Amino acid sequence: MNPRLQKITEKMKNGEPVVGVFVLLADSSVSEIVGYSGCDFVWIDSEHGMMDRREIYHHVLAAQAAGACAFVRVPGVEYYQIKNTLDMGPDGIIFPFVNTTDIARQAVEACTYPADGGKRGIGPLRAIHYGVDNEPDYLKVAKDEVWKIFQIESMTAVENLEEIAKVPGYQSLFIGPADLGMSMVNVKPEDKPALIADVQRRVAKLAAENGKFCGSCAGPTKESCHELMDRGVQWMTIAQDVRIISGMLTEAVRNIHG
């Protein structure tokens, strides 16, 4: 396991919060700032974010150079779309809407080489430090060098949760509360937070039972993080880059003119 993943693994095992930020802006200096701030990981969002392949690559470089894990959320599970991102050497791949065991298995296959039952094509590039590292040695351990993270963010996924949690080859589950809440179409808005909290507890329990980690979204406070940790969540996003900027500026302008 690479040292960045080893660091956050040890923190979680010791009961310490592991925190990071959603990054959607294209400029990779944002990821560098997140790393230098002391965050443990950068959530590089190529599902919703405004970035192309080269910009994703620069975000991975910046996050890791600043000491943070680079987790890239991809749009789907198609292996031919993911292999280029894997070859950039990220620390983890985040898969949205893992609603079934079939999707979960496809996600793992996309990240693993044929010798380990996957479909990943050989061409690791930066993942082997551009050829400085021994490629055959990397191929033997590659399945453990990149975390595969399944997002649980719909009631369909919750219904299939026990079976999804048993799929071999991934490292963490992650509850996405926003889309999960949106999928609760027949539930009153005021009732959703309690239901989402119950899902977080259930996912965390199943993750632990299967030897995996559990993540979710918290607010940017100690109290919010520890509230999630009390539910069994071990790693969490605490902010989004664009909202940090817009929120601070909106509040500043309001105070100036108020």
C-alpha atoms as a PDB file:
ATOM      1  CA  MET A   1       0.000   0.000   0.000  1.00  0.00           C
ATOM      2  CA  ASN A   2       1.329   3.429  -0.902  1.00  0.00           C
ATOM      3  CA  PRO A   3       2.246   5.787   1.966  1.00  0.00           C
ATOM      4  CA  ARG A   4      -0.708   8.128   1.460  1.00  0.00           C
ATOM      5  CA  LEU A   5      -3.239   5.313   1.708  1.00  0.00           C
ATOM      6  CA  GLN A   6      -1.273   3.824   4.581  1.00  0.00           C
ATOM      7  CA  LYS A   7      -1.501   7.131   6.449  1.00  0.00           C
ATOM      8  CA  ILE A   8      -5.280   7.440   6.212  1.00  0.00           C
ATOM      9  CA  THR A   9      -5.728   3.735   6.941  1.00  0.00           C
ATOM     10  CA  GLU A  10      -3.808   4.114  10.187  1.00  0.00           C
ATOM     11  CA  LYS A  11      -5.795   7.221  11.130  1.00  0.00           C
ATOM     12  CA  MET A  12      -9.095   5.408  10.626  1.00  0.00           C
ATOM     13  CA  LYS A  13      -7.926   2.381  12.586  1.00  0.00           C
ATOM     14  CA  ASN A  14      -6.946   4.745  15.400  1.00  0.00           C
ATOM     15  CA  GLY A  15     -10.369   6.389  15.409  1.00  0.00           C
ATOM     16  CA  GLU A  16      -9.165   9.702  13.987  1.00  0.00           C
ATOM     17  CA  PRO A  17     -11.319  11.618  11.467  1.00  0.00           C
ATOM     18  CA  VAL A  18     -10.113  11.529   7.863  1.00  0.00           C
ATOM     19  CA  VAL A  19     -11.341  14.584   5.974  1.00  0.00           C
ATOM     20  CA  GLY A  20     -11.263  15.994   2.466  1.00  0.00           C
ATOM     21  CA  VAL A  21     -12.895  18.382   0.012  1.00  0.00           C
ATOM     22  CA  PHE A  22     -14.910  18.014  -3.181  1.00  0.00           C
ATOM     23  CA  VAL A  23     -12.986  19.704  -6.008  1.00  0.00           C
ATOM     24  CA  LEU A  24     -14.914  20.672  -9.144  1.00  0.00           C
ATOM     25  CA  LEU A  25     -12.936  23.630 -10.468  1.00  0.00           C
ATOM     26  CA  ALA A  26     -10.498  22.951 -13.302  1.00  0.00           C
ATOM     27  CA  ASP A  27      -7.451  24.705 -11.839  1.00  0.00           C
ATOM     28  CA  SER A  28      -5.270  22.119 -10.102  1.00  0.00           C
ATOM     29  CA  SER A  29      -3.930  24.669  -7.621  1.00  0.00           C
ATOM     30  CA  VAL A  30      -7.226  24.112  -5.796  1.00  0.00           C
ATOM     31  CA  SER A  31      -6.219  20.508  -5.068  1.00  0.00           C
ATOM     32  CA  GLU A  32      -2.783  21.681  -3.982  1.00  0.00           C
ATOM     33  CA  ILE A  33      -4.373  24.137  -1.540  1.00  0.00           C
ATOM     34  CA  VAL A  34      -6.621  21.412  -0.148  1.00  0.00           C
ATOM     35  CA  GLY A  35      -3.595  19.205   0.467  1.00  0.00           C
ATOM     36  CA  TYR A  36      -1.513  21.942   2.047  1.00  0.00           C
ATOM     37  CA  SER A  37      -4.429  22.853   4.315  1.00  0.00           C
ATOM     38  CA  GLY A  38      -3.998  19.544   6.090  1.00  0.00           C
ATOM     39  CA  CYS A  39      -6.828  17.607   4.439  1.00  0.00           C
ATOM     40  CA  ASP A  40      -6.213  13.901   4.047  1.00  0.00           C
ATOM     41  CA  PHE A  41      -7.693  13.529   0.580  1.00  0.00           C
ATOM     42  CA  VAL A  42      -8.951  15.457  -2.430  1.00  0.00           C
ATOM     43  CA  TRP A  43     -12.171  14.295  -4.093  1.00  0.00           C
ATOM     44  CA  ILE A  44     -11.414  15.120  -7.741  1.00  0.00           C
ATOM     45  CA  ASP A  45     -14.851  15.186  -9.303  1.00  0.00           C
ATOM     46  CA  SER A  46     -14.871  14.212 -12.974  1.00  0.00           C
ATOM     47  CA  GLU A  47     -18.545  13.241 -12.703  1.00  0.00           C
ATOM     48  CA  HIS A  48     -19.824  16.764 -12.002  1.00  0.00           C
ATOM     49  CA  GLY A  49     -16.632  18.805 -12.166  1.00  0.00           C
ATOM     50  CA  MET A  50     -15.497  21.164 -14.921  1.00  0.00           C
ATOM     51  CA  MET A  51     -12.333  19.347 -15.998  1.00  0.00           C
ATOM     52  CA  ASP A  52     -10.929  17.296 -18.856  1.00  0.00           C
ATOM     53  CA  ARG A  53      -8.371  14.466 -18.802  1.00  0.00           C
ATOM     54  CA  ARG A  54      -5.331  16.702 -18.631  1.00  0.00           C
ATOM     55  CA  GLU A  55      -6.881  18.712 -15.814  1.00  0.00           C
ATOM     56  CA  ILE A  56      -7.722  15.523 -13.891  1.00  0.00           C
ATOM     57  CA  TYR A  57      -4.086  14.491 -14.303  1.00  0.00           C
ATOM     58  CA  HIS A  58      -2.853  17.821 -12.958  1.00  0.00           C
ATOM     59  CA  HIS A  59      -5.238  17.575 -10.000  1.00  0.00           C
ATOM     60  CA  VAL A  60      -3.820  14.129  -9.151  1.00  0.00           C
ATOM     61  CA  LEU A  61      -0.278  15.499  -9.318  1.00  0.00           C
ATOM     62  CA  ALA A  62      -1.129  18.538  -7.195  1.00  0.00           C
ATOM     63  CA  ALA A  63      -3.016  16.644  -4.502  1.00  0.00           C
ATOM     64  CA  GLN A  64      -0.294  14.050  -4.051  1.00  0.00           C
ATOM     65  CA  ALA A  65       2.505  16.622  -4.149  1.00  0.00           C
ATOM     66  CA  ALA A  66       0.756  18.407  -1.277  1.00  0.00           C
ATOM     67  CA  GLY A  67       0.557  15.175   0.729  1.00  0.00           C
ATOM     68  CA  ALA A  68      -3.100  14.267   0.171  1.00  0.00           C
ATOM     69  CA  CYS A  69      -4.651  11.183  -1.362  1.00  0.00           C
ATOM     70  CA  ALA A  70      -6.047  11.805  -4.834  1.00  0.00           C
ATOM     71  CA  PHE A  71      -9.470  10.174  -5.169  1.00  0.00           C
ATOM     72  CA  VAL A  72     -11.059  10.578  -8.607  1.00  0.00           C
ATOM     73  CA  ARG A  73     -14.798  10.191  -9.013  1.00  0.00           C
ATOM     74  CA  VAL A  74     -15.521   8.833 -12.481  1.00  0.00           C
ATOM     75  CA  PRO A  75     -18.854   9.040 -14.334  1.00  0.00           C
ATOM     76  CA  GLY A  76     -19.450   5.289 -14.621  1.00  0.00           C
ATOM     77  CA  VAL A  77     -17.937   1.789 -14.598  1.00  0.00           C
ATOM     78  CA  GLU A  78     -16.933   1.268 -18.252  1.00  0.00           C
ATOM     79  CA  TYR A  79     -13.358   0.017 -18.135  1.00  0.00           C
ATOM     80  CA  TYR A  80     -12.322   1.691 -21.396  1.00  0.00           C
ATOM     81  CA  GLN A  81     -13.234   5.080 -19.920  1.00  0.00           C
ATOM     82  CA  ILE A  82     -11.461   4.503 -16.614  1.00  0.00           C
ATOM     83  CA  LYS A  83      -8.112   3.033 -17.660  1.00  0.00           C
ATOM     84  CA  ASN A  84      -6.632   6.396 -18.613  1.00  0.00           C
ATOM     85  CA  THR A  85      -7.455   7.777 -15.167  1.00  0.00           C
ATOM     86  CA  LEU A  86      -5.952   4.707 -13.496  1.00  0.00           C
ATOM     87  CA  ASP A  87      -2.734   5.163 -15.454  1.00  0.00           C
ATOM     88  CA  MET A  88      -2.411   8.664 -13.936  1.00  0.00           C
ATOM     89  CA  GLY A  89      -1.647   7.014 -10.589  1.00  0.00           C
ATOM     90  CA  PRO A  90      -4.528   8.163  -8.364  1.00  0.00           C
ATOM     91  CA  ASP A  91      -4.953   6.695  -4.896  1.00  0.00           C
ATOM     92  CA  GLY A  92      -8.591   5.792  -5.396  1.00  0.00           C
ATOM     93  CA  ILE A  93     -11.436   5.606  -7.887  1.00  0.00           C
ATOM     94  CA  ILE A  94     -14.927   6.563  -6.710  1.00  0.00           C
ATOM     95  CA  PHE A  95     -17.869   4.996  -8.515  1.00  0.00           C
ATOM     96  CA  PRO A  96     -21.245   6.795  -8.319  1.00  0.00           C
ATOM     97  CA  PHE A  97     -24.591   5.025  -8.075  1.00  0.00           C
ATOM     98  CA  VAL A  98     -23.385   1.523  -7.328  1.00  0.00           C
ATOM     99  CA  ASN A  99     -26.949   0.255  -7.141  1.00  0.00           C
ATOM    100  CA  THR A 100     -26.438  -3.450  -7.835  1.00  0.00           C
ATOM    101  CA  THR A 101     -23.880  -6.209  -7.471  1.00  0.00           C
ATOM    102  CA  ASP A 102     -23.413  -6.230 -11.262  1.00  0.00           C
ATOM    103  CA  ILE A 103     -22.339  -2.574 -11.196  1.00  0.00           C
ATOM    104  CA  ALA A 104     -20.074  -3.275  -8.208  1.00  0.00           C
ATOM    105  CA  ARG A 105     -18.360  -6.160  -9.991  1.00  0.00           C
ATOM    106  CA  GLN A 106     -17.896  -4.101 -13.154  1.00  0.00           C
ATOM    107  CA  ALA A 107     -16.270  -1.361 -11.081  1.00  0.00           C
ATOM    108  CA  VAL A 108     -13.758  -3.774  -9.576  1.00  0.00           C
ATOM    109  CA  GLU A 109     -13.069  -5.388 -12.964  1.00  0.00           C
ATOM    110  CA  ALA A 110     -12.352  -1.983 -14.494  1.00  0.00           C
ATOM    111  CA  CYS A 111      -9.628  -1.354 -11.914  1.00  0.00           C
ATOM    112  CA  THR A 112      -7.927  -4.758 -11.912  1.00  0.00           C
ATOM    113  CA  TYR A 113      -5.745  -6.539 -14.428  1.00  0.00           C
ATOM    114  CA  PRO A 114      -6.758  -9.850 -16.083  1.00  0.00           C
ATOM    115  CA  ALA A 115      -4.510 -11.858 -13.747  1.00  0.00           C
ATOM    116  CA  ASP A 116      -6.758 -10.699 -10.902  1.00  0.00           C
ATOM    117  CA  GLY A 117      -9.963 -11.239 -12.843  1.00  0.00           C
ATOM    118  CA  GLY A 118     -10.303  -7.740 -14.282  1.00  0.00           C
ATOM    119  CA  LYS A 119     -10.278  -5.906 -17.605  1.00  0.00           C
ATOM    120  CA  ARG A 120      -7.746  -3.137 -17.031  1.00  0.00           C
ATOM    121  CA  GLY A 121      -5.339  -2.695 -19.942  1.00  0.00           C
ATOM    122  CA  ILE A 122      -1.595  -2.568 -19.323  1.00  0.00           C
ATOM    123  CA  GLY A 123      -0.019   0.883 -19.634  1.00  0.00           C
ATOM    124  CA  PRO A 124       0.396   2.261 -16.103  1.00  0.00           C
ATOM    125  CA  LEU A 125       2.634   5.230 -17.057  1.00  0.00           C
ATOM    126  CA  ARG A 126       2.666   7.538 -14.014  1.00  0.00           C
ATOM    127  CA  ALA A 127       1.454   4.712 -11.774  1.00  0.00           C
ATOM    128  CA  ILE A 128       4.967   3.233 -12.169  1.00  0.00           C
ATOM    129  CA  HIS A 129       6.645   6.653 -12.041  1.00  0.00           C
ATOM    130  CA  TYR A 130       6.997   6.727 -15.826  1.00  0.00           C
ATOM    131  CA  GLY A 131       9.024   3.510 -15.922  1.00  0.00           C
ATOM    132  CA  VAL A 132      11.331   4.160 -12.976  1.00  0.00           C
ATOM    133  CA  ASP A 133       9.482   1.476 -11.003  1.00  0.00           C
ATOM    134  CA  ASN A 134       9.450  -2.139 -12.143  1.00  0.00           C
ATOM    135  CA  GLU A 135       6.268  -2.748 -14.158  1.00  0.00           C
ATOM    136  CA  PRO A 136       5.945  -6.509 -13.454  1.00  0.00           C
ATOM    137  CA  ASP A 137       6.257  -5.801  -9.723  1.00  0.00           C
ATOM    138  CA  TYR A 138       3.542  -3.149  -9.958  1.00  0.00           C
ATOM    139  CA  LEU A 139       1.197  -5.478 -11.817  1.00  0.00           C
ATOM    140  CA  LYS A 140       1.411  -7.932  -8.920  1.00  0.00           C
ATOM    141  CA  VAL A 141       0.225  -5.381  -6.335  1.00  0.00           C
ATOM    142  CA  ALA A 142      -1.810  -2.942  -8.450  1.00  0.00           C
ATOM    143  CA  LYS A 143      -5.160  -4.164  -7.130  1.00  0.00           C
ATOM    144  CA  ASP A 144      -4.182  -2.935  -3.658  1.00  0.00           C
ATOM    145  CA  GLU A 145      -2.530   0.306  -4.787  1.00  0.00           C
ATOM    146  CA  VAL A 146      -5.784   1.949  -5.867  1.00  0.00           C
ATOM    147  CA  TRP A 147      -8.862   2.000  -3.645  1.00  0.00           C
ATOM    148  CA  LYS A 148     -12.163   1.102  -5.265  1.00  0.00           C
ATOM    149  CA  ILE A 149     -14.927   3.088  -3.568  1.00  0.00           C
ATOM    150  CA  PHE A 150     -18.629   2.343  -4.064  1.00  0.00           C
ATOM    151  CA  GLN A 151     -21.125   5.145  -3.583  1.00  0.00           C
ATOM    152  CA  ILE A 152     -24.384   4.146  -1.946  1.00  0.00           C
ATOM    153  CA  GLU A 153     -26.694   6.963  -2.983  1.00  0.00           C
ATOM    154  CA  SER A 154     -30.110   5.574  -3.864  1.00  0.00           C
ATOM    155  CA  MET A 155     -32.796   3.501  -2.214  1.00  0.00           C
ATOM    156  CA  THR A 156     -32.150   0.836  -4.860  1.00  0.00           C
ATOM    157  CA  ALA A 157     -28.588   0.540  -3.562  1.00  0.00           C
ATOM    158  CA  VAL A 158     -29.910   0.371   0.007  1.00  0.00           C
ATOM    159  CA  GLU A 159     -32.214  -2.478  -0.979  1.00  0.00           C
ATOM    160  CA  ASN A 160     -29.239  -4.368  -2.445  1.00  0.00           C
ATOM    161  CA  LEU A 161     -26.786  -3.254   0.230  1.00  0.00           C
ATOM    162  CA  GLU A 162     -26.006  -6.574   1.892  1.00  0.00           C
ATOM    163  CA  GLU A 163     -25.055  -8.199  -1.406  1.00  0.00           C
ATOM    164  CA  ILE A 164     -23.115  -5.168  -2.660  1.00  0.00           C
ATOM    165  CA  ALA A 165     -21.087  -5.134   0.560  1.00  0.00           C
ATOM    166  CA  LYS A 166     -20.021  -8.739  -0.055  1.00  0.00           C
ATOM    167  CA  VAL A 167     -18.578  -8.114  -3.533  1.00  0.00           C
ATOM    168  CA  PRO A 168     -14.825  -8.808  -3.374  1.00  0.00           C
ATOM    169  CA  GLY A 169     -12.128  -6.387  -4.409  1.00  0.00           C
ATOM    170  CA  TYR A 170     -13.221  -2.962  -3.154  1.00  0.00           C
ATOM    171  CA  GLN A 171     -11.964  -1.003  -0.131  1.00  0.00           C
ATOM    172  CA  SER A 172     -14.743   1.335   0.974  1.00  0.00           C
ATOM    173  CA  LEU A 173     -18.417   2.198   0.788  1.00  0.00           C
ATOM    174  CA  PHE A 174     -19.476   5.853   0.734  1.00  0.00           C
ATOM    175  CA  ILE A 175     -22.966   7.147   1.458  1.00  0.00           C
ATOM    176  CA  GLY A 176     -23.968  10.077  -0.767  1.00  0.00           C
ATOM    177  CA  PRO A 177     -26.692  11.784   1.301  1.00  0.00           C
ATOM    178  CA  ALA A 178     -27.826  14.287  -1.353  1.00  0.00           C
ATOM    179  CA  ASP A 179     -28.801  11.789  -4.047  1.00  0.00           C
ATOM    180  CA  LEU A 180     -29.928   9.298  -1.433  1.00  0.00           C
ATOM    181  CA  GLY A 181     -32.351  11.883  -0.105  1.00  0.00           C
ATOM    182  CA  MET A 182     -33.516  12.703  -3.634  1.00  0.00           C
ATOM    183  CA  SER A 183     -34.343   9.034  -4.192  1.00  0.00           C
ATOM    184  CA  MET A 184     -36.686   9.045  -1.180  1.00  0.00           C
ATOM    185  CA  VAL A 185     -39.509  10.303  -3.386  1.00  0.00           C
ATOM    186  CA  ASN A 186     -42.395   9.458  -1.063  1.00  0.00           C
ATOM    187  CA  VAL A 187     -40.775  10.709   2.128  1.00  0.00           C
ATOM    188  CA  LYS A 188     -41.440  14.113   3.680  1.00  0.00           C
ATOM    189  CA  PRO A 189     -38.359  16.386   3.644  1.00  0.00           C
ATOM    190  CA  GLU A 190     -38.392  16.692   7.435  1.00  0.00           C
ATOM    191  CA  ASP A 191     -38.220  12.890   7.763  1.00  0.00           C
ATOM    192  CA  LYS A 192     -35.264  12.373   5.439  1.00  0.00           C
ATOM    193  CA  PRO A 193     -32.351  13.288   7.783  1.00  0.00           C
ATOM    194  CA  ALA A 194     -33.269  10.547  10.256  1.00  0.00           C
ATOM    195  CA  LEU A 195     -33.611   7.983   7.476  1.00  0.00           C
ATOM    196  CA  ILE A 196     -30.269   8.998   5.963  1.00  0.00           C
ATOM    197  CA  ALA A 197     -28.650   8.676   9.400  1.00  0.00           C
ATOM    198  CA  ASP A 198     -30.072   5.161   9.689  1.00  0.00           C
ATOM    199  CA  VAL A 199     -28.625   4.278   6.282  1.00  0.00           C
ATOM    200  CA  GLN A 200     -25.232   5.631   7.344  1.00  0.00           C
ATOM    201  CA  ARG A 201     -25.293   3.413  10.430  1.00  0.00           C
ATOM    202  CA  ARG A 202     -26.312   0.386   8.417  1.00  0.00           C
ATOM    203  CA  VAL A 203     -23.706   0.934   5.700  1.00  0.00           C
ATOM    204  CA  ALA A 204     -20.970   1.478   8.291  1.00  0.00           C
ATOM    205  CA  LYS A 205     -21.947  -1.734  10.082  1.00  0.00           C
ATOM    206  CA  LEU A 206     -21.940  -3.800   6.890  1.00  0.00           C
ATOM    207  CA  ALA A 207     -18.650  -2.262   5.758  1.00  0.00           C
ATOM    208  CA  ALA A 208     -17.020  -3.199   9.059  1.00  0.00           C
ATOM    209  CA  GLU A 209     -18.437  -6.717   8.930  1.00  0.00           C
ATOM    210  CA  ASN A 210     -16.874  -7.164   5.499  1.00  0.00           C
ATOM    211  CA  GLY A 211     -13.515  -5.666   6.458  1.00  0.00           C
ATOM    212  CA  LYS A 212     -14.084  -2.401   4.559  1.00  0.00           C
ATOM    213  CA  PHE A 213     -14.127   1.292   5.413  1.00  0.00           C
ATOM    214  CA  CYS A 214     -17.076   3.686   5.330  1.00  0.00           C
ATOM    215  CA  GLY A 215     -17.301   7.321   4.252  1.00  0.00           C
ATOM    216  CA  SER A 216     -19.960  10.011   3.900  1.00  0.00           C
ATOM    217  CA  CYS A 217     -20.482  13.784   3.822  1.00  0.00           C
ATOM    218  CA  ALA A 218     -20.126  15.994   6.906  1.00  0.00           C
ATOM    219  CA  GLY A 219     -20.226  19.710   7.533  1.00  0.00           C
ATOM    220  CA  PRO A 220     -17.038  21.732   8.149  1.00  0.00           C
ATOM    221  CA  THR A 221     -17.181  21.402  11.934  1.00  0.00           C
ATOM    222  CA  LYS A 222     -15.769  19.084  14.547  1.00  0.00           C
ATOM    223  CA  GLU A 223     -19.281  18.393  15.832  1.00  0.00           C
ATOM    224  CA  SER A 224     -20.543  17.312  12.408  1.00  0.00           C
ATOM    225  CA  CYS A 225     -17.599  14.995  11.834  1.00  0.00           C
ATOM    226  CA  HIS A 226     -17.943  13.367  15.229  1.00  0.00           C
ATOM    227  CA  GLU A 227     -21.675  12.960  14.720  1.00  0.00           C
ATOM    228  CA  LEU A 228     -20.895  10.860  11.654  1.00  0.00           C
ATOM    229  CA  MET A 229     -18.136   9.000  13.436  1.00  0.00           C
ATOM    230  CA  ASP A 230     -20.640   8.046  16.127  1.00  0.00           C
ATOM    231  CA  ARG A 231     -22.611   6.368  13.318  1.00  0.00           C
ATOM    232  CA  GLY A 232     -19.538   4.406  12.249  1.00  0.00           C
ATOM    233  CA  VAL A 233     -18.391   6.668   9.400  1.00  0.00           C
ATOM    234  CA  GLN A 234     -14.589   6.919   9.233  1.00  0.00           C
ATOM    235  CA  TRP A 235     -13.797   9.329   6.419  1.00  0.00           C
ATOM    236  CA  MET A 236     -15.765  12.303   5.194  1.00  0.00           C
ATOM    237  CA  THR A 237     -15.919  15.244   2.845  1.00  0.00           C
ATOM    238  CA  ILE A 238     -16.347  18.508   4.734  1.00  0.00           C
ATOM    239  CA  ALA A 239     -16.729  21.100   1.953  1.00  0.00           C
ATOM    240  CA  GLN A 240     -16.839  21.804  -1.782  1.00  0.00           C
ATOM    241  CA  ASP A 241     -14.382  24.180  -3.430  1.00  0.00           C
ATOM    242  CA  VAL A 242     -16.934  26.339  -5.242  1.00  0.00           C
ATOM    243  CA  ARG A 243     -19.143  26.653  -2.166  1.00  0.00           C
ATOM    244  CA  ILE A 244     -16.202  27.620   0.025  1.00  0.00           C
ATOM    245  CA  ILE A 245     -15.496  30.540  -2.304  1.00  0.00           C
ATOM    246  CA  SER A 246     -19.105  31.549  -2.989  1.00  0.00           C
ATOM    247  CA  GLY A 247     -20.152  31.192   0.643  1.00  0.00           C
ATOM    248  CA  MET A 248     -17.285  33.253   2.006  1.00  0.00           C
ATOM    249  CA  LEU A 249     -17.679  35.988  -0.595  1.00  0.00           C
ATOM    250  CA  THR A 250     -21.456  36.155  -0.274  1.00  0.00           C
ATOM    251  CA  GLU A 251     -21.167  36.509   3.479  1.00  0.00           C
ATOM    252  CA  ALA A 252     -18.427  39.127   3.161  1.00  0.00           C
ATOM    253  CA  VAL A 253     -20.399  41.248   0.700  1.00  0.00           C
ATOM    254  CA  ARG A 254     -23.526  40.916   2.829  1.00  0.00           C
ATOM    255  CA  ASN A 255     -21.640  42.094   5.903  1.00  0.00           C
ATOM    256  CA  ILE A 256     -20.041  45.005   4.059  1.00  0.00           C
ATOM    257  CA  HIS A 257     -23.333  46.290   2.703  1.00  0.00           C
ATOM    258  CA  GLY A 258     -25.476  45.263   5.641  1.00  0.00           C
END
